[in-house]
């Protein structure tokens, strides 16, 4: 098992566009279905892997472009350390004064390493200066919940 890291920053309004954050349904619409539904399904199939927005379910980062992987680590503690480094890097921009407290990341880093160690994914988000949002994710690969998802680096 190894761990991939993902980082996204952008307008909160774009982050809230759930249609672009939702993977295509595993079953396509029937060929005799409404043409607009068939067209929309084709668009989602083509767009979802390419859109840099964080998926609603963290594991689905694995089917996105390999260019979105910010790092890969063989050990949970290494991946969690990356999370801590990114939190420290962005902390001065956190909207909430409580989130800017530099002692807070230590607890999240320890929890992240523990969760990764048993095969869980980690995902956190913070508001930065309005209206910007930061999303950080660590995804186990192969994934415990979505074992059918391929490794983005293969």
N, C-alpha and C. Protein backbone atom coordinates (compact mmCIF):
# COMPACT_ATOMS: atom_id res chain seq x y z
N UNK A 1 0.85 -1.18 0.00
CA UNK A 1 0.00 0.00 0.00
C UNK A 1 0.89 1.24 0.00
N UNK A 2 0.40 2.28 -0.66
CA UNK A 2 1.08 3.58 -0.65
C UNK A 2 0.00 4.65 -0.58
N UNK A 3 0.43 5.91 -0.54
CA UNK A 3 -0.49 7.01 -0.28
C UNK A 3 -0.22 8.16 -1.23
N UNK A 4 -1.28 8.70 -1.82
CA UNK A 4 -1.17 9.83 -2.73
C UNK A 4 -1.73 11.07 -2.05
N UNK A 5 -1.07 12.20 -2.27
CA UNK A 5 -1.53 13.47 -1.73
C UNK A 5 -2.09 14.36 -2.82
N UNK A 6 -3.14 15.09 -2.48
CA UNK A 6 -3.80 16.01 -3.41
C UNK A 6 -4.06 17.34 -2.72
N UNK A 7 -3.92 18.40 -3.48
CA UNK A 7 -4.15 19.75 -2.96
C UNK A 7 -4.93 20.53 -4.00
N UNK A 8 -5.94 21.23 -3.56
CA UNK A 8 -6.71 22.11 -4.46
C UNK A 8 -7.00 23.39 -3.72
N UNK A 9 -6.81 24.51 -4.39
CA UNK A 9 -7.28 25.80 -3.89
C UNK A 9 -8.04 26.47 -5.03
N UNK A 10 -9.08 27.17 -4.65
CA UNK A 10 -9.85 27.88 -5.65
C UNK A 10 -11.06 28.54 -5.03
N UNK A 11 -11.83 29.20 -5.88
CA UNK A 11 -13.02 29.89 -5.39
C UNK A 11 -14.00 28.92 -4.75
N UNK A 12 -14.52 29.28 -3.62
CA UNK A 12 -15.50 28.44 -2.91
C UNK A 12 -16.71 28.16 -3.80
N UNK A 13 -17.09 29.12 -4.61
CA UNK A 13 -18.23 28.94 -5.50
C UNK A 13 -17.97 27.77 -6.48
N UNK A 14 -16.75 27.65 -6.97
CA UNK A 14 -16.41 26.55 -7.87
C UNK A 14 -16.40 25.22 -7.10
N UNK A 15 -15.87 25.24 -5.89
CA UNK A 15 -15.84 24.05 -5.04
C UNK A 15 -17.27 23.54 -4.80
N UNK A 16 -18.21 24.45 -4.70
CA UNK A 16 -19.60 24.09 -4.43
C UNK A 16 -20.34 23.53 -5.64
N UNK A 17 -19.70 23.51 -6.81
CA UNK A 17 -20.34 22.96 -8.01
C UNK A 17 -20.26 21.44 -7.96
N UNK A 18 -21.22 20.84 -7.26
CA UNK A 18 -21.17 19.41 -7.01
C UNK A 18 -21.29 18.56 -8.27
N UNK A 19 -21.89 19.08 -9.31
CA UNK A 19 -22.03 18.30 -10.54
C UNK A 19 -20.66 17.93 -11.10
N UNK A 20 -19.68 18.81 -10.96
CA UNK A 20 -18.33 18.53 -11.46
C UNK A 20 -17.50 17.71 -10.47
N UNK A 21 -18.00 17.51 -9.27
CA UNK A 21 -17.28 16.77 -8.24
C UNK A 21 -17.82 15.35 -8.07
N UNK A 22 -18.85 15.03 -8.82
CA UNK A 22 -19.52 13.73 -8.70
C UNK A 22 -19.11 12.84 -9.87
N UNK A 23 -18.62 11.62 -9.59
CA UNK A 23 -18.22 10.74 -10.70
C UNK A 23 -19.43 10.27 -11.49
N UNK A 24 -19.22 9.83 -12.71
CA UNK A 24 -20.35 9.34 -13.50
C UNK A 24 -20.95 8.09 -12.86
N UNK A 25 -22.21 7.93 -13.05
CA UNK A 25 -22.90 6.73 -12.54
C UNK A 25 -22.30 5.50 -13.23
N UNK A 26 -22.15 4.40 -12.51
CA UNK A 26 -21.54 3.22 -13.13
C UNK A 26 -22.36 2.63 -14.27
N UNK A 27 -23.66 2.87 -14.27
CA UNK A 27 -24.52 2.36 -15.34
C UNK A 27 -24.91 3.50 -16.27
N UNK A 28 -24.54 3.40 -17.54
CA UNK A 28 -24.95 4.46 -18.48
C UNK A 28 -26.46 4.43 -18.71
N UNK A 29 -27.00 5.56 -19.16
CA UNK A 29 -28.43 5.56 -19.47
C UNK A 29 -28.69 4.63 -20.65
N UNK A 30 -29.91 4.11 -20.76
CA UNK A 30 -30.21 3.21 -21.88
C UNK A 30 -30.10 3.96 -23.21
N UNK A 31 -29.70 3.27 -24.27
CA UNK A 31 -29.53 3.93 -25.57
C UNK A 31 -30.80 4.56 -26.10
N UNK A 32 -31.94 4.11 -25.64
CA UNK A 32 -33.22 4.67 -26.09
C UNK A 32 -33.69 5.79 -25.14
N UNK A 33 -32.85 6.16 -24.17
CA UNK A 33 -33.20 7.19 -23.20
C UNK A 33 -33.22 8.58 -23.83
N UNK A 34 -33.54 9.54 -22.99
CA UNK A 34 -33.61 10.93 -23.46
C UNK A 34 -32.23 11.37 -23.96
N UNK A 35 -32.16 11.97 -25.13
CA UNK A 35 -30.88 12.36 -25.71
C UNK A 35 -30.06 13.29 -24.81
N UNK A 36 -30.73 14.19 -24.07
CA UNK A 36 -29.98 15.11 -23.22
C UNK A 36 -29.32 14.38 -22.05
N UNK A 37 -29.96 13.31 -21.56
CA UNK A 37 -29.34 12.51 -20.48
C UNK A 37 -28.14 11.73 -21.01
N UNK A 38 -28.27 11.18 -22.18
CA UNK A 38 -27.17 10.45 -22.79
C UNK A 38 -26.00 11.39 -23.04
N UNK A 39 -26.28 12.58 -23.54
CA UNK A 39 -25.23 13.57 -23.80
C UNK A 39 -24.56 14.00 -22.50
N UNK A 40 -25.35 14.25 -21.47
CA UNK A 40 -24.78 14.66 -20.18
C UNK A 40 -23.91 13.56 -19.59
N UNK A 41 -24.32 12.32 -19.72
CA UNK A 41 -23.52 11.20 -19.23
C UNK A 41 -22.18 11.15 -19.95
N UNK A 42 -22.20 11.32 -21.25
CA UNK A 42 -20.95 11.33 -22.03
C UNK A 42 -20.03 12.47 -21.58
N UNK A 43 -20.62 13.64 -21.32
CA UNK A 43 -19.82 14.79 -20.87
C UNK A 43 -19.17 14.50 -19.51
N UNK A 44 -19.94 13.95 -18.58
CA UNK A 44 -19.41 13.64 -17.25
C UNK A 44 -18.31 12.59 -17.35
N UNK A 45 -18.51 11.58 -18.19
CA UNK A 45 -17.49 10.53 -18.38
C UNK A 45 -16.18 11.15 -18.87
N UNK A 46 -16.29 12.13 -19.76
CA UNK A 46 -15.09 12.75 -20.32
C UNK A 46 -14.48 13.78 -19.37
N UNK A 47 -15.32 14.54 -18.66
CA UNK A 47 -14.83 15.67 -17.85
C UNK A 47 -14.35 15.29 -16.46
N UNK A 48 -15.04 14.38 -15.78
CA UNK A 48 -14.73 14.11 -14.38
C UNK A 48 -13.26 13.79 -14.13
N UNK A 49 -12.64 12.92 -14.92
CA UNK A 49 -11.24 12.61 -14.64
C UNK A 49 -10.29 13.79 -14.87
N UNK A 50 -10.71 14.76 -15.65
CA UNK A 50 -9.83 15.88 -16.00
C UNK A 50 -10.00 17.10 -15.11
N UNK A 51 -11.18 17.26 -14.52
CA UNK A 51 -11.47 18.43 -13.70
C UNK A 51 -10.65 18.32 -12.41
N UNK A 52 -10.01 19.42 -12.04
CA UNK A 52 -9.13 19.40 -10.86
C UNK A 52 -9.87 19.52 -9.53
N UNK A 53 -11.18 19.68 -9.56
CA UNK A 53 -11.95 19.82 -8.32
C UNK A 53 -11.91 18.54 -7.48
N UNK A 54 -11.86 18.70 -6.16
CA UNK A 54 -11.89 17.51 -5.30
C UNK A 54 -13.21 16.75 -5.47
N UNK A 55 -13.12 15.44 -5.61
CA UNK A 55 -14.36 14.66 -5.72
C UNK A 55 -15.10 14.62 -4.39
N UNK A 56 -16.40 14.40 -4.46
CA UNK A 56 -17.20 14.32 -3.24
C UNK A 56 -16.76 13.16 -2.36
N UNK A 57 -16.36 12.06 -2.97
CA UNK A 57 -15.83 10.91 -2.23
C UNK A 57 -14.32 10.86 -2.46
N UNK A 58 -13.56 10.98 -1.40
CA UNK A 58 -12.11 11.15 -1.47
C UNK A 58 -11.42 10.11 -2.34
N UNK A 59 -11.84 8.87 -2.29
CA UNK A 59 -11.19 7.80 -3.06
C UNK A 59 -11.19 8.08 -4.56
N UNK A 60 -12.16 8.84 -5.05
CA UNK A 60 -12.25 9.10 -6.49
C UNK A 60 -11.16 10.02 -7.03
N UNK A 61 -10.31 10.54 -6.14
CA UNK A 61 -9.11 11.23 -6.64
C UNK A 61 -8.31 10.26 -7.51
N UNK A 62 -8.38 8.97 -7.20
CA UNK A 62 -7.56 7.98 -7.91
C UNK A 62 -7.87 7.88 -9.39
N UNK A 63 -9.06 8.26 -9.82
CA UNK A 63 -9.36 8.17 -11.26
C UNK A 63 -9.15 9.49 -11.98
N UNK A 64 -8.65 10.47 -11.26
CA UNK A 64 -8.35 11.75 -11.89
C UNK A 64 -6.95 11.71 -12.50
N UNK A 65 -6.61 12.75 -13.22
CA UNK A 65 -5.33 12.82 -13.91
C UNK A 65 -4.16 12.63 -12.95
N UNK A 66 -3.17 11.87 -13.38
CA UNK A 66 -1.96 11.66 -12.58
C UNK A 66 -1.25 12.98 -12.31
N UNK A 67 -1.49 14.00 -13.11
CA UNK A 67 -0.86 15.31 -12.91
C UNK A 67 -1.35 16.00 -11.63
N UNK A 68 -2.46 15.54 -11.09
CA UNK A 68 -3.00 16.15 -9.88
C UNK A 68 -2.38 15.56 -8.61
N UNK A 69 -1.64 14.46 -8.72
CA UNK A 69 -0.98 13.87 -7.56
C UNK A 69 0.17 14.80 -7.15
N UNK A 70 0.15 15.26 -5.90
CA UNK A 70 1.17 16.18 -5.40
C UNK A 70 2.32 15.46 -4.70
N UNK A 71 2.13 14.19 -4.43
CA UNK A 71 3.17 13.39 -3.79
C UNK A 71 2.66 11.99 -3.55
N UNK A 72 3.61 11.06 -3.45
CA UNK A 72 3.29 9.66 -3.16
C UNK A 72 4.30 9.16 -2.14
N UNK A 73 3.79 8.47 -1.12
CA UNK A 73 4.65 8.02 -0.03
C UNK A 73 4.36 6.56 0.30
N UNK A 74 5.40 5.82 0.70
CA UNK A 74 5.19 4.42 1.07
C UNK A 74 4.71 4.23 2.52
N UNK A 75 4.87 5.25 3.35
CA UNK A 75 4.52 5.14 4.77
C UNK A 75 3.48 6.20 5.18
N UNK A 76 2.55 5.82 6.06
CA UNK A 76 1.53 6.76 6.51
C UNK A 76 2.11 8.02 7.18
N UNK A 77 3.15 7.85 7.97
CA UNK A 77 3.72 9.01 8.67
C UNK A 77 4.32 10.02 7.69
N UNK A 78 4.91 9.54 6.61
CA UNK A 78 5.46 10.45 5.59
C UNK A 78 4.34 11.23 4.91
N UNK A 79 3.25 10.55 4.58
CA UNK A 79 2.10 11.21 3.94
C UNK A 79 1.49 12.23 4.90
N UNK A 80 1.34 11.85 6.16
CA UNK A 80 0.77 12.76 7.16
C UNK A 80 1.68 13.97 7.37
N UNK A 81 2.99 13.77 7.28
CA UNK A 81 3.93 14.89 7.40
C UNK A 81 3.70 15.90 6.27
N UNK A 82 3.45 15.41 5.07
CA UNK A 82 3.15 16.31 3.94
C UNK A 82 1.90 17.14 4.25
N UNK A 83 0.88 16.48 4.81
CA UNK A 83 -0.34 17.19 5.19
C UNK A 83 0.00 18.32 6.17
N UNK A 84 0.82 18.01 7.16
CA UNK A 84 1.22 19.02 8.14
C UNK A 84 1.99 20.16 7.52
N UNK A 85 2.87 19.85 6.58
CA UNK A 85 3.65 20.89 5.90
C UNK A 85 2.74 21.82 5.11
N UNK A 86 1.74 21.25 4.44
CA UNK A 86 0.81 22.09 3.66
C UNK A 86 -0.04 22.94 4.61
N UNK A 87 -0.48 22.37 5.72
CA UNK A 87 -1.26 23.15 6.68
C UNK A 87 -0.43 24.32 7.21
N UNK A 88 0.82 24.07 7.52
CA UNK A 88 1.69 25.13 8.02
C UNK A 88 1.91 26.20 6.95
N UNK A 89 2.08 25.76 5.72
CA UNK A 89 2.28 26.68 4.60
C UNK A 89 1.08 27.61 4.41
N UNK A 90 -0.12 27.07 4.52
CA UNK A 90 -1.33 27.86 4.27
C UNK A 90 -1.90 28.51 5.52
N UNK A 91 -1.45 28.12 6.70
CA UNK A 91 -2.03 28.63 7.96
C UNK A 91 -2.14 30.15 8.02
N UNK A 92 -1.15 30.92 7.57
CA UNK A 92 -1.30 32.38 7.65
C UNK A 92 -2.50 32.92 6.84
N UNK A 93 -2.97 32.12 5.88
CA UNK A 93 -4.09 32.55 5.05
C UNK A 93 -5.44 32.02 5.54
N UNK A 94 -5.45 31.14 6.57
CA UNK A 94 -6.71 30.59 7.07
C UNK A 94 -7.59 31.73 7.56
N UNK A 95 -8.86 31.66 7.20
CA UNK A 95 -9.80 32.70 7.59
C UNK A 95 -10.02 32.72 9.10
N UNK A 96 -10.09 31.55 9.70
CA UNK A 96 -10.36 31.44 11.13
C UNK A 96 -9.08 31.58 11.94
N UNK A 97 -9.09 32.44 12.94
CA UNK A 97 -7.93 32.61 13.81
C UNK A 97 -7.61 31.31 14.54
N UNK A 98 -8.62 30.55 14.92
CA UNK A 98 -8.38 29.29 15.61
C UNK A 98 -7.63 28.30 14.70
N UNK A 99 -7.94 28.30 13.40
CA UNK A 99 -7.24 27.41 12.46
C UNK A 99 -5.80 27.84 12.24
N UNK A 100 -5.52 29.13 12.43
CA UNK A 100 -4.14 29.62 12.24
C UNK A 100 -3.22 29.21 13.38
N UNK A 101 -3.76 28.71 14.47
CA UNK A 101 -2.97 28.26 15.61
C UNK A 101 -2.04 27.12 15.17
N UNK A 102 -0.75 27.33 15.30
CA UNK A 102 0.23 26.37 14.79
C UNK A 102 0.31 25.09 15.61
N UNK A 103 -0.32 25.03 16.78
CA UNK A 103 -0.30 23.80 17.56
C UNK A 103 -1.38 22.81 17.10
N UNK A 104 -2.38 23.28 16.40
CA UNK A 104 -3.47 22.42 15.94
C UNK A 104 -3.06 21.33 14.97
N UNK A 105 -2.15 21.60 14.02
CA UNK A 105 -1.80 20.57 13.05
C UNK A 105 -1.23 19.29 13.65
N UNK A 106 -0.59 19.36 14.78
CA UNK A 106 0.02 18.16 15.37
C UNK A 106 -1.03 17.08 15.61
N UNK A 107 -2.18 17.46 16.13
CA UNK A 107 -3.25 16.48 16.39
C UNK A 107 -3.76 15.91 15.08
N UNK A 108 -4.00 16.77 14.08
CA UNK A 108 -4.49 16.29 12.79
C UNK A 108 -3.49 15.38 12.10
N UNK A 109 -2.21 15.68 12.23
CA UNK A 109 -1.17 14.86 11.61
C UNK A 109 -1.15 13.47 12.24
N UNK A 110 -1.20 13.41 13.55
CA UNK A 110 -1.21 12.12 14.24
C UNK A 110 -2.45 11.31 13.86
N UNK A 111 -3.60 11.96 13.82
CA UNK A 111 -4.84 11.28 13.44
C UNK A 111 -4.78 10.80 11.99
N UNK A 112 -4.20 11.62 11.11
CA UNK A 112 -4.08 11.25 9.70
C UNK A 112 -3.19 10.02 9.55
N UNK A 113 -2.06 10.00 10.23
CA UNK A 113 -1.15 8.85 10.14
C UNK A 113 -1.85 7.58 10.63
N UNK A 114 -2.59 7.70 11.72
CA UNK A 114 -3.30 6.54 12.26
C UNK A 114 -4.36 6.03 11.27
N UNK A 115 -5.15 6.97 10.73
CA UNK A 115 -6.21 6.58 9.78
C UNK A 115 -5.61 5.93 8.53
N UNK A 116 -4.55 6.53 7.99
CA UNK A 116 -3.90 5.96 6.81
C UNK A 116 -3.35 4.57 7.11
N UNK A 117 -2.85 4.39 8.33
CA UNK A 117 -2.27 3.12 8.72
C UNK A 117 -3.25 1.95 8.66
N UNK A 118 -4.52 2.20 8.88
CA UNK A 118 -5.50 1.12 8.77
C UNK A 118 -6.25 1.15 7.44
N UNK A 119 -5.80 1.99 6.51
CA UNK A 119 -6.37 2.00 5.17
C UNK A 119 -7.45 3.02 4.91
N UNK A 120 -7.63 3.97 5.83
CA UNK A 120 -8.62 5.02 5.62
C UNK A 120 -8.04 6.19 4.86
N UNK A 121 -8.87 6.92 4.17
CA UNK A 121 -8.46 8.14 3.47
C UNK A 121 -8.62 9.32 4.41
N UNK A 122 -7.94 10.41 4.08
CA UNK A 122 -7.97 11.63 4.89
C UNK A 122 -8.30 12.80 3.99
N UNK A 123 -9.23 13.64 4.43
CA UNK A 123 -9.59 14.81 3.64
C UNK A 123 -9.93 15.96 4.60
N UNK A 124 -9.33 17.12 4.35
CA UNK A 124 -9.59 18.30 5.17
C UNK A 124 -9.77 19.51 4.26
N UNK A 125 -10.50 20.50 4.75
CA UNK A 125 -10.70 21.72 4.00
C UNK A 125 -10.78 22.92 4.91
N UNK A 126 -10.30 24.07 4.41
CA UNK A 126 -10.31 25.31 5.17
C UNK A 126 -10.67 26.47 4.25
N UNK A 127 -11.37 27.42 4.84
CA UNK A 127 -11.59 28.68 4.14
C UNK A 127 -10.32 29.51 4.27
N UNK A 128 -9.90 30.06 3.15
CA UNK A 128 -8.80 31.01 3.15
C UNK A 128 -9.43 32.39 2.99
N UNK A 129 -8.67 33.36 2.53
CA UNK A 129 -9.27 34.67 2.29
C UNK A 129 -10.48 34.47 1.38
N UNK A 130 -11.54 35.17 1.70
CA UNK A 130 -12.76 35.00 0.92
C UNK A 130 -12.52 35.36 -0.52
N UNK A 131 -13.11 34.63 -1.41
CA UNK A 131 -13.91 33.43 -1.25
C UNK A 131 -13.12 32.16 -1.61
N UNK A 132 -11.90 32.03 -1.15
CA UNK A 132 -11.03 30.91 -1.54
C UNK A 132 -11.14 29.77 -0.53
N UNK A 133 -11.04 28.55 -1.06
CA UNK A 133 -11.11 27.34 -0.24
C UNK A 133 -9.89 26.48 -0.53
N UNK A 134 -9.37 25.82 0.51
CA UNK A 134 -8.24 24.89 0.40
C UNK A 134 -8.74 23.49 0.74
N UNK A 135 -8.42 22.54 -0.12
CA UNK A 135 -8.76 21.14 0.12
C UNK A 135 -7.47 20.34 0.07
N UNK A 136 -7.22 19.53 1.10
CA UNK A 136 -6.08 18.63 1.16
C UNK A 136 -6.60 17.21 1.35
N UNK A 137 -6.04 16.26 0.61
CA UNK A 137 -6.49 14.88 0.74
C UNK A 137 -5.31 13.93 0.64
N UNK A 138 -5.40 12.84 1.38
CA UNK A 138 -4.46 11.73 1.30
C UNK A 138 -5.29 10.48 1.02
N UNK A 139 -4.93 9.75 -0.03
CA UNK A 139 -5.72 8.62 -0.47
C UNK A 139 -4.87 7.35 -0.47
N UNK A 140 -5.39 6.30 0.16
CA UNK A 140 -4.72 5.00 0.17
C UNK A 140 -4.85 4.35 -1.20
N UNK A 141 -3.78 3.72 -1.62
CA UNK A 141 -3.77 3.06 -2.92
C UNK A 141 -3.00 1.75 -2.77
N UNK A 142 -3.60 0.60 -3.06
CA UNK A 142 -4.99 0.45 -3.48
C UNK A 142 -5.94 0.87 -2.37
N UNK A 143 -7.12 1.28 -2.80
CA UNK A 143 -8.07 1.85 -1.85
C UNK A 143 -8.90 0.77 -1.18
N UNK A 144 -9.04 0.90 0.11
CA UNK A 144 -9.75 -0.09 0.92
C UNK A 144 -11.25 -0.12 0.58
N UNK A 145 -11.85 1.03 0.38
CA UNK A 145 -13.29 1.11 0.12
C UNK A 145 -13.60 0.93 -1.36
N UNK A 146 -12.77 1.49 -2.22
CA UNK A 146 -12.97 1.44 -3.67
C UNK A 146 -11.81 0.68 -4.32
N UNK A 147 -11.72 -0.61 -4.02
CA UNK A 147 -10.60 -1.43 -4.50
C UNK A 147 -10.53 -1.51 -6.02
N UNK A 148 -11.63 -1.24 -6.71
CA UNK A 148 -11.65 -1.32 -8.17
C UNK A 148 -10.95 -0.13 -8.84
N UNK A 149 -10.68 0.91 -8.08
CA UNK A 149 -10.08 2.11 -8.67
C UNK A 149 -8.58 1.89 -8.92
N UNK A 150 -8.11 2.26 -10.10
CA UNK A 150 -6.70 2.03 -10.43
C UNK A 150 -5.77 3.05 -9.78
N UNK A 151 -4.51 2.69 -9.69
CA UNK A 151 -3.50 3.63 -9.22
C UNK A 151 -3.27 4.67 -10.32
N UNK A 152 -3.29 5.95 -9.98
CA UNK A 152 -3.11 6.98 -11.01
C UNK A 152 -1.71 7.00 -11.62
N UNK A 153 -0.76 6.36 -10.97
CA UNK A 153 0.61 6.40 -11.48
C UNK A 153 0.93 5.20 -12.37
N UNK A 154 -0.05 4.34 -12.60
CA UNK A 154 0.19 3.17 -13.47
C UNK A 154 -0.50 3.33 -14.78
